[in-house]
Amino acid sequence: KVILNIIQSNNSLLIIYDNEKVNLKSLQHLLEWLSLQ
């Protein structure tokens, strides 16, 4: 839910997130964890 929007291109994803609920470092850690699942 902290991810507000995802914008896709041919080789990228732009993640728009709620920076009042999560900081950049923690979100990146979460996405890195998710990529391994």
All heavy atoms as atom14 arrays in JSON, in Angstrom:
{
  "sequence": "KVILNIIQSNNSLLIIYDNEKVNLKSLQHLLEWLSLQ",
  "atom14_mask": [
    [1, 1, 1, 1, 1, 1, 1, 1, 1, 0, 0, 0, 0, 0],
    [1, 1, 1, 1, 1, 1, 1, 0, 0, 0, 0, 0, 0, 0],
    [1, 1, 1, 1, 1, 1, 1, 1, 0, 0, 0, 0, 0, 0],
    [1, 1, 1, 1, 1, 1, 1, 1, 0, 0, 0, 0, 0, 0],
    [1, 1, 1, 1, 1, 1, 1, 1, 0, 0, 0, 0, 0, 0],
    [1, 1, 1, 1, 1, 1, 1, 1, 0, 0, 0, 0, 0, 0],
    [1, 1, 1, 1, 1, 1, 1, 1, 0, 0, 0, 0, 0, 0],
    [1, 1, 1, 1, 1, 1, 1, 1, 1, 0, 0, 0, 0, 0],
    [1, 1, 1, 1, 1, 1, 0, 0, 0, 0, 0, 0, 0, 0],
    [1, 1, 1, 1, 1, 1, 1, 1, 0, 0, 0, 0, 0, 0],
    [1, 1, 1, 1, 1, 1, 1, 1, 0, 0, 0, 0, 0, 0],
    [1, 1, 1, 1, 1, 1, 0, 0, 0, 0, 0, 0, 0, 0],
    [1, 1, 1, 1, 1, 1, 1, 1, 0, 0, 0, 0, 0, 0],
    [1, 1, 1, 1, 1, 1, 1, 1, 0, 0, 0, 0, 0, 0],
    [1, 1, 1, 1, 1, 1, 1, 1, 0, 0, 0, 0, 0, 0],
    [1, 1, 1, 1, 1, 1, 1, 1, 0, 0, 0, 0, 0, 0],
    [1, 1, 1, 1, 1, 1, 1, 1, 1, 1, 1, 1, 0, 0],
    [1, 1, 1, 1, 1, 1, 1, 1, 0, 0, 0, 0, 0, 0],
    [1, 1, 1, 1, 1, 1, 1, 1, 0, 0, 0, 0, 0, 0],
    [1, 1, 1, 1, 1, 1, 1, 1, 1, 0, 0, 0, 0, 0],
    [1, 1, 1, 1, 1, 1, 1, 1, 1, 0, 0, 0, 0, 0],
    [1, 1, 1, 1, 1, 1, 1, 0, 0, 0, 0, 0, 0, 0],
    [1, 1, 1, 1, 1, 1, 1, 1, 0, 0, 0, 0, 0, 0],
    [1, 1, 1, 1, 1, 1, 1, 1, 0, 0, 0, 0, 0, 0],
    [1, 1, 1, 1, 1, 1, 1, 1, 1, 0, 0, 0, 0, 0],
    [1, 1, 1, 1, 1, 1, 0, 0, 0, 0, 0, 0, 0, 0],
    [1, 1, 1, 1, 1, 1, 1, 1, 0, 0, 0, 0, 0, 0],
    [1, 1, 1, 1, 1, 1, 1, 1, 1, 0, 0, 0, 0, 0],
    [1, 1, 1, 1, 1, 1, 1, 1, 1, 1, 0, 0, 0, 0],
    [1, 1, 1, 1, 1, 1, 1, 1, 0, 0, 0, 0, 0, 0],
    [1, 1, 1, 1, 1, 1, 1, 1, 0, 0, 0, 0, 0, 0],
    [1, 1, 1, 1, 1, 1, 1, 1, 1, 0, 0, 0, 0, 0],
    [1, 1, 1, 1, 1, 1, 1, 1, 1, 1, 1, 1, 1, 1],
    [1, 1, 1, 1, 1, 1, 1, 1, 0, 0, 0, 0, 0, 0],
    [1, 1, 1, 1, 1, 1, 0, 0, 0, 0, 0, 0, 0, 0],
    [1, 1, 1, 1, 1, 1, 1, 1, 0, 0, 0, 0, 0, 0],
    [1, 1, 1, 1, 1, 1, 1, 1, 1, 0, 0, 0, 0, 0]
  ],
  "atom14_positions": [
    [[0.79, -1.22, 0.0], [0.0, 0.0, 0.0], [0.83, 1.28, 0.0], [0.34, 2.32, -0.42], [-0.96, -0.01, 1.18], [-2.04, -1.08, 1.06], [-2.98, -1.08, 2.25], [-4.02, -2.18, 2.12], [-4.92, -2.24, 3.29], [0.0, 0.0, 0.0], [0.0, 0.0, 0.0], [0.0, 0.0, 0.0], [0.0, 0.0, 0.0], [0.0, 0.0, 0.0]],
    [[2.07, 1.21, 0.47], [2.91, 2.42, 0.46], [3.35, 2.76, -0.96], [3.85, 3.86, -1.21], [4.15, 2.28, 1.37], [3.73, 2.16, 2.82], [5.03, 1.12, 0.95], [0.0, 0.0, 0.0], [0.0, 0.0, 0.0], [0.0, 0.0, 0.0], [0.0, 0.0, 0.0], [0.0, 0.0, 0.0], [0.0, 0.0, 0.0], [0.0, 0.0, 0.0]],
    [[3.19, 1.81, -1.89], [3.47, 2.09, -3.31], [2.21, 2.66, -3.94], [1.19, 2.0, -4.03], [3.93, 0.81, -4.03], [5.28, 0.36, -3.47], [4.02, 1.05, -5.54], [5.82, -0.91, -4.09], [0.0, 0.0, 0.0], [0.0, 0.0, 0.0], [0.0, 0.0, 0.0], [0.0, 0.0, 0.0], [0.0, 0.0, 0.0], [0.0, 0.0, 0.0]],
    [[2.3, 3.92, -4.35], [1.13, 4.64, -4.85], [0.9, 4.43, -6.33], [-0.23, 4.46, -6.81], [1.29, 6.13, -4.54], [1.56, 6.49, -3.07], [1.75, 8.0, -2.92], [0.44, 6.0, -2.18], [0.0, 0.0, 0.0], [0.0, 0.0, 0.0], [0.0, 0.0, 0.0], [0.0, 0.0, 0.0], [0.0, 0.0, 0.0], [0.0, 0.0, 0.0]],
    [[1.99, 4.25, -7.07], [1.85, 4.1, -8.53], [3.1, 3.44, -9.08], [4.19, 3.54, -8.49], [1.65, 5.47, -9.19], [1.12, 5.35, -10.61], [0.69, 4.29, -11.04], [1.15, 6.44, -11.34], [0.0, 0.0, 0.0], [0.0, 0.0, 0.0], [0.0, 0.0, 0.0], [0.0, 0.0, 0.0], [0.0, 0.0, 0.0], [0.0, 0.0, 0.0]],
    [[2.95, 2.74, -10.21], [4.07, 2.13, -10.91], [3.98, 2.53, -12.37], [2.95, 2.28, -13.02], [4.06, 0.59, -10.8], [3.99, 0.15, -9.34], [5.29, 0.0, -11.48], [3.82, -1.36, -9.17], [0.0, 0.0, 0.0], [0.0, 0.0, 0.0], [0.0, 0.0, 0.0], [0.0, 0.0, 0.0], [0.0, 0.0, 0.0], [0.0, 0.0, 0.0]],
    [[5.03, 3.14, -12.88], [5.06, 3.58, -14.27], [6.11, 2.74, -15.0], [7.28, 2.72, -14.62], [5.4, 5.08, -14.37], [4.34, 5.89, -13.59], [5.45, 5.53, -15.83], [4.72, 7.34, -13.39], [0.0, 0.0, 0.0], [0.0, 0.0, 0.0], [0.0, 0.0, 0.0], [0.0, 0.0, 0.0], [0.0, 0.0, 0.0], [0.0, 0.0, 0.0]],
    [[5.68, 2.06, -16.05], [6.53, 1.09, -16.73], [7.01, 1.61, -18.07], [6.27, 2.25, -18.81], [5.74, -0.22, -16.91], [6.44, -1.29, -17.72], [5.95, -1.35, -19.16], [4.78, -1.06, -19.44], [6.83, -1.69, -20.09], [0.0, 0.0, 0.0], [0.0, 0.0, 0.0], [0.0, 0.0, 0.0], [0.0, 0.0, 0.0], [0.0, 0.0, 0.0]],
    [[8.28, 1.34, -18.38], [8.79, 1.56, -19.74], [9.39, 0.25, -20.21], [9.3, -0.77, -19.53], [9.84, 2.68, -19.76], [11.09, 2.2, -19.3], [0.0, 0.0, 0.0], [0.0, 0.0, 0.0], [0.0, 0.0, 0.0], [0.0, 0.0, 0.0], [0.0, 0.0, 0.0], [0.0, 0.0, 0.0], [0.0, 0.0, 0.0], [0.0, 0.0, 0.0]],
    [[10.03, 0.27, -21.38], [10.55, -0.98, -21.93], [11.65, -1.6, -21.06], [11.82, -2.82, -21.06], [11.08, -0.77, -23.35], [12.24, 0.19, -23.4], [12.07, 1.37, -23.15], [13.44, -0.3, -23.73], [0.0, 0.0, 0.0], [0.0, 0.0, 0.0], [0.0, 0.0, 0.0], [0.0, 0.0, 0.0], [0.0, 0.0, 0.0], [0.0, 0.0, 0.0]],
    [[12.38, -0.79, -20.28], [13.45, -1.35, -19.45], [13.5, -0.73, -18.06], [14.55, -0.71, -17.42], [14.81, -1.2, -20.14], [15.31, 0.23, -20.1], [14.53, 1.18, -20.2], [16.62, 0.41, -19.94], [0.0, 0.0, 0.0], [0.0, 0.0, 0.0], [0.0, 0.0, 0.0], [0.0, 0.0, 0.0], [0.0, 0.0, 0.0], [0.0, 0.0, 0.0]],
    [[12.37, -0.21, -17.57], [12.4, 0.41, -16.24], [11.02, 0.4, -15.59], [9.99, 0.25, -16.25], [12.9, 1.86, -16.34], [11.94, 2.69, -16.97], [0.0, 0.0, 0.0], [0.0, 0.0, 0.0], [0.0, 0.0, 0.0], [0.0, 0.0, 0.0], [0.0, 0.0, 0.0], [0.0, 0.0, 0.0], [0.0, 0.0, 0.0], [0.0, 0.0, 0.0]],
    [[11.04, 0.55, -14.28], [9.84, 0.78, -13.48], [10.1, 1.98, -12.59], [11.11, 2.02, -11.88], [9.5, -0.43, -12.61], [9.07, -1.72, -13.31], [8.94, -2.84, -12.28], [7.76, -1.53, -14.06], [0.0, 0.0, 0.0], [0.0, 0.0, 0.0], [0.0, 0.0, 0.0], [0.0, 0.0, 0.0], [0.0, 0.0, 0.0], [0.0, 0.0, 0.0]],
    [[9.21, 2.95, -12.62], [9.29, 4.08, -11.71], [8.28, 3.85, -10.6], [7.08, 3.79, -10.84], [9.01, 5.4, -12.43], [8.98, 6.65, -11.53], [10.3, 6.83, -10.78], [8.65, 7.9, -12.35], [0.0, 0.0, 0.0], [0.0, 0.0, 0.0], [0.0, 0.0, 0.0], [0.0, 0.0, 0.0], [0.0, 0.0, 0.0], [0.0, 0.0, 0.0]],
    [[8.77, 3.67, -9.38], [7.92, 3.41, -8.22], [7.65, 4.73, -7.5], [8.59, 5.38, -7.04], [8.59, 2.42, -7.24], [9.09, 1.18, -7.96], [7.65, 2.08, -6.09], [8.02, 0.33, -8.56], [0.0, 0.0, 0.0], [0.0, 0.0, 0.0], [0.0, 0.0, 0.0], [0.0, 0.0, 0.0], [0.0, 0.0, 0.0], [0.0, 0.0, 0.0]],
    [[6.39, 5.13, -7.44], [6.0, 6.32, -6.67], [5.47, 5.82, -5.33], [4.56, 4.99, -5.29], [4.91, 7.14, -7.41], [5.36, 7.47, -8.84], [4.6, 8.41, -6.63], [6.61, 8.29, -8.94], [0.0, 0.0, 0.0], [0.0, 0.0, 0.0], [0.0, 0.0, 0.0], [0.0, 0.0, 0.0], [0.0, 0.0, 0.0], [0.0, 0.0, 0.0]],
    [[6.05, 6.32, -4.23], [5.71, 5.76, -2.92], [5.35, 6.87, -1.93], [5.64, 8.06, -2.15], [6.88, 4.92, -2.39], [8.15, 5.71, -2.13], [8.45, 6.22, -0.86], [9.07, 5.94, -3.15], [9.6, 6.93, -0.62], [10.23, 6.65, -2.93], [10.5, 7.14, -1.66], [11.64, 7.87, -1.42], [0.0, 0.0, 0.0], [0.0, 0.0, 0.0]],
    [[4.74, 6.46, -0.83], [4.35, 7.38, 0.24], [5.55, 7.59, 1.15], [5.86, 6.75, 2.01], [3.17, 6.78, 1.02], [2.6, 7.74, 2.05], [3.28, 8.72, 2.4], [1.46, 7.5, 2.51], [0.0, 0.0, 0.0], [0.0, 0.0, 0.0], [0.0, 0.0, 0.0], [0.0, 0.0, 0.0], [0.0, 0.0, 0.0], [0.0, 0.0, 0.0]],
    [[6.25, 8.71, 0.96], [7.47, 8.93, 1.74], [7.22, 9.35, 3.18], [8.17, 9.54, 3.95], [8.37, 9.96, 1.04], [7.69, 11.29, 0.83], [6.58, 11.51, 1.31], [8.35, 12.2, 0.12], [0.0, 0.0, 0.0], [0.0, 0.0, 0.0], [0.0, 0.0, 0.0], [0.0, 0.0, 0.0], [0.0, 0.0, 0.0], [0.0, 0.0, 0.0]],
    [[5.95, 9.47, 3.55], [5.64, 9.73, 4.96], [5.55, 8.42, 5.75], [5.58, 8.43, 6.98], [4.33, 10.5, 5.09], [4.41, 11.93, 4.53], [3.13, 12.71, 4.76], [2.18, 12.13, 5.31], [3.1, 13.89, 4.4], [0.0, 0.0, 0.0], [0.0, 0.0, 0.0], [0.0, 0.0, 0.0], [0.0, 0.0, 0.0], [0.0, 0.0, 0.0]],
    [[5.42, 7.3, 5.03], [5.29, 6.0, 5.7], [6.51, 5.11, 5.54], [6.7, 4.16, 6.3], [4.05, 5.27, 5.17], [2.74, 5.95, 5.55], [1.54, 5.14, 5.1], [0.24, 5.8, 5.55], [-0.95, 5.05, 5.11], [0.0, 0.0, 0.0], [0.0, 0.0, 0.0], [0.0, 0.0, 0.0], [0.0, 0.0, 0.0], [0.0, 0.0, 0.0]],
    [[7.33, 5.39, 4.56], [8.54, 4.58, 4.36], [9.59, 5.45, 3.7], [9.28, 6.32, 2.89], [8.23, 3.35, 3.48], [7.82, 3.74, 2.08], [9.4, 2.37, 3.45], [0.0, 0.0, 0.0], [0.0, 0.0, 0.0], [0.0, 0.0, 0.0], [0.0, 0.0, 0.0], [0.0, 0.0, 0.0], [0.0, 0.0, 0.0], [0.0, 0.0, 0.0]],
    [[10.86, 5.23, 4.09], [11.93, 5.99, 3.45], [12.49, 5.2, 2.26], [12.19, 4.01, 2.08], [13.03, 6.36, 4.45], [13.73, 5.16, 5.06], [13.94, 4.14, 4.4], [14.11, 5.26, 6.33], [0.0, 0.0, 0.0], [0.0, 0.0, 0.0], [0.0, 0.0, 0.0], [0.0, 0.0, 0.0], [0.0, 0.0, 0.0], [0.0, 0.0, 0.0]],
    [[13.31, 5.87, 1.49], [13.83, 5.28, 0.26], [14.63, 4.01, 0.53], [14.47, 2.99, -0.15], [14.7, 6.31, -0.47], [15.33, 5.85, -1.79], [14.27, 5.74, -2.86], [16.42, 6.82, -2.23], [0.0, 0.0, 0.0], [0.0, 0.0, 0.0], [0.0, 0.0, 0.0], [0.0, 0.0, 0.0], [0.0, 0.0, 0.0], [0.0, 0.0, 0.0]],
    [[15.49, 4.05, 1.53], [16.36, 2.91, 1.83], [15.54, 1.67, 2.2], [15.83, 0.57, 1.74], [17.31, 3.28, 2.97], [18.32, 2.21, 3.31], [19.26, 2.68, 4.41], [20.27, 1.61, 4.78], [21.16, 2.06, 5.88], [0.0, 0.0, 0.0], [0.0, 0.0, 0.0], [0.0, 0.0, 0.0], [0.0, 0.0, 0.0], [0.0, 0.0, 0.0]],
    [[14.52, 1.87, 3.02], [13.69, 0.73, 3.45], [12.87, 0.18, 2.3], [12.68, -1.04, 2.19], [12.76, 1.15, 4.59], [13.51, 1.48, 5.74], [0.0, 0.0, 0.0], [0.0, 0.0, 0.0], [0.0, 0.0, 0.0], [0.0, 0.0, 0.0], [0.0, 0.0, 0.0], [0.0, 0.0, 0.0], [0.0, 0.0, 0.0], [0.0, 0.0, 0.0]],
    [[12.36, 1.07, 1.44], [11.59, 0.6, 0.28], [12.47, -0.21, -0.66], [12.06, -1.26, -1.16], [10.97, 1.79, -0.46], [10.18, 1.41, -1.71], [8.97, 0.55, -1.37], [9.73, 2.66, -2.48], [0.0, 0.0, 0.0], [0.0, 0.0, 0.0], [0.0, 0.0, 0.0], [0.0, 0.0, 0.0], [0.0, 0.0, 0.0], [0.0, 0.0, 0.0]],
    [[13.69, 0.28, -0.9], [14.6, -0.47, -1.78], [14.9, -1.84, -1.18], [14.92, -2.84, -1.91], [15.9, 0.3, -1.98], [16.89, -0.45, -2.88], [18.13, 0.36, -3.19], [18.11, 1.59, -3.19], [19.24, -0.33, -3.44], [0.0, 0.0, 0.0], [0.0, 0.0, 0.0], [0.0, 0.0, 0.0], [0.0, 0.0, 0.0], [0.0, 0.0, 0.0]],
    [[15.12, -1.9, 0.11], [15.39, -3.19, 0.77], [14.21, -4.14, 0.58], [14.38, -5.32, 0.28], [15.65, -2.95, 2.26], [16.28, -4.13, 2.96], [15.61, -5.3, 3.22], [17.53, -4.3, 3.45], [16.41, -6.14, 3.84], [17.59, -5.56, 4.0], [0.0, 0.0, 0.0], [0.0, 0.0, 0.0], [0.0, 0.0, 0.0], [0.0, 0.0, 0.0]],
    [[12.99, -3.59, 0.73], [11.79, -4.41, 0.55], [11.68, -4.93, -0.87], [11.36, -6.11, -1.11], [10.55, -3.6, 0.91], [9.2, -4.3, 0.73], [9.09, -5.5, 1.67], [8.04, -3.34, 0.95], [0.0, 0.0, 0.0], [0.0, 0.0, 0.0], [0.0, 0.0, 0.0], [0.0, 0.0, 0.0], [0.0, 0.0, 0.0], [0.0, 0.0, 0.0]],
    [[11.96, -4.08, -1.85], [11.85, -4.49, -3.25], [12.94, -5.5, -3.61], [12.71, -6.42, -4.4], [11.93, -3.27, -4.17], [10.73, -2.32, -4.09], [10.96, -1.08, -4.93], [9.45, -3.03, -4.53], [0.0, 0.0, 0.0], [0.0, 0.0, 0.0], [0.0, 0.0, 0.0], [0.0, 0.0, 0.0], [0.0, 0.0, 0.0], [0.0, 0.0, 0.0]],
    [[14.13, -5.33, -3.02], [15.2, -6.31, -3.25], [14.81, -7.66, -2.66], [15.06, -8.71, -3.25], [16.51, -5.81, -2.65], [17.12, -4.65, -3.42], [18.36, -4.09, -2.75], [18.6, -4.41, -1.55], [19.1, -3.33, -3.4], [0.0, 0.0, 0.0], [0.0, 0.0, 0.0], [0.0, 0.0, 0.0], [0.0, 0.0, 0.0], [0.0, 0.0, 0.0]],
    [[14.2, -7.62, -1.48], [13.7, -8.86, -0.87], [12.65, -9.49, -1.78], [12.66, -10.7, -2.02], [13.1, -8.55, 0.5], [12.31, -9.67, 1.09], [12.77, -10.7, 1.84], [10.9, -9.89, 0.94], [11.74, -11.55, 2.18], [10.58, -11.08, 1.64], [9.87, -9.2, 0.3], [9.28, -11.58, 1.72], [8.58, -9.71, 0.38], [8.3, -10.88, 1.07]],
    [[11.74, -8.67, -2.29], [10.67, -9.17, -3.13], [11.2, -9.8, -4.41], [10.68, -10.82, -4.88], [9.71, -8.02, -3.48], [8.47, -8.35, -4.3], [7.63, -9.4, -3.59], [7.65, -7.1, -4.55], [0.0, 0.0, 0.0], [0.0, 0.0, 0.0], [0.0, 0.0, 0.0], [0.0, 0.0, 0.0], [0.0, 0.0, 0.0], [0.0, 0.0, 0.0]],
    [[12.27, -9.23, -4.96], [12.82, -9.75, -6.21], [13.36, -11.16, -6.04], [13.46, -11.92, -7.02], [13.92, -8.83, -6.73], [15.09, -8.92, -5.93], [0.0, 0.0, 0.0], [0.0, 0.0, 0.0], [0.0, 0.0, 0.0], [0.0, 0.0, 0.0], [0.0, 0.0, 0.0], [0.0, 0.0, 0.0], [0.0, 0.0, 0.0], [0.0, 0.0, 0.0]],
    [[13.71, -11.53, -4.81], [14.27, -12.87, -4.56], [13.21, -13.91, -4.25], [13.51, -15.09, -4.14], [15.27, -12.8, -3.4], [16.5, -11.91, -3.62], [17.32, -11.83, -2.34], [17.34, -12.42, -4.78], [0.0, 0.0, 0.0], [0.0, 0.0, 0.0], [0.0, 0.0, 0.0], [0.0, 0.0, 0.0], [0.0, 0.0, 0.0], [0.0, 0.0, 0.0]],
    [[11.96, -13.45, -4.08], [10.89, -14.38, -3.74], [10.39, -15.1, -4.98], [10.34, -14.53, -6.06], [9.71, -13.64, -3.08], [10.1, -12.83, -1.86], [10.88, -13.63, -0.84], [10.46, -14.7, -0.42], [12.03, -13.12, -0.46], [0.0, 0.0, 0.0], [0.0, 0.0, 0.0], [0.0, 0.0, 0.0], [0.0, 0.0, 0.0], [0.0, 0.0, 0.0]]
  ]
}
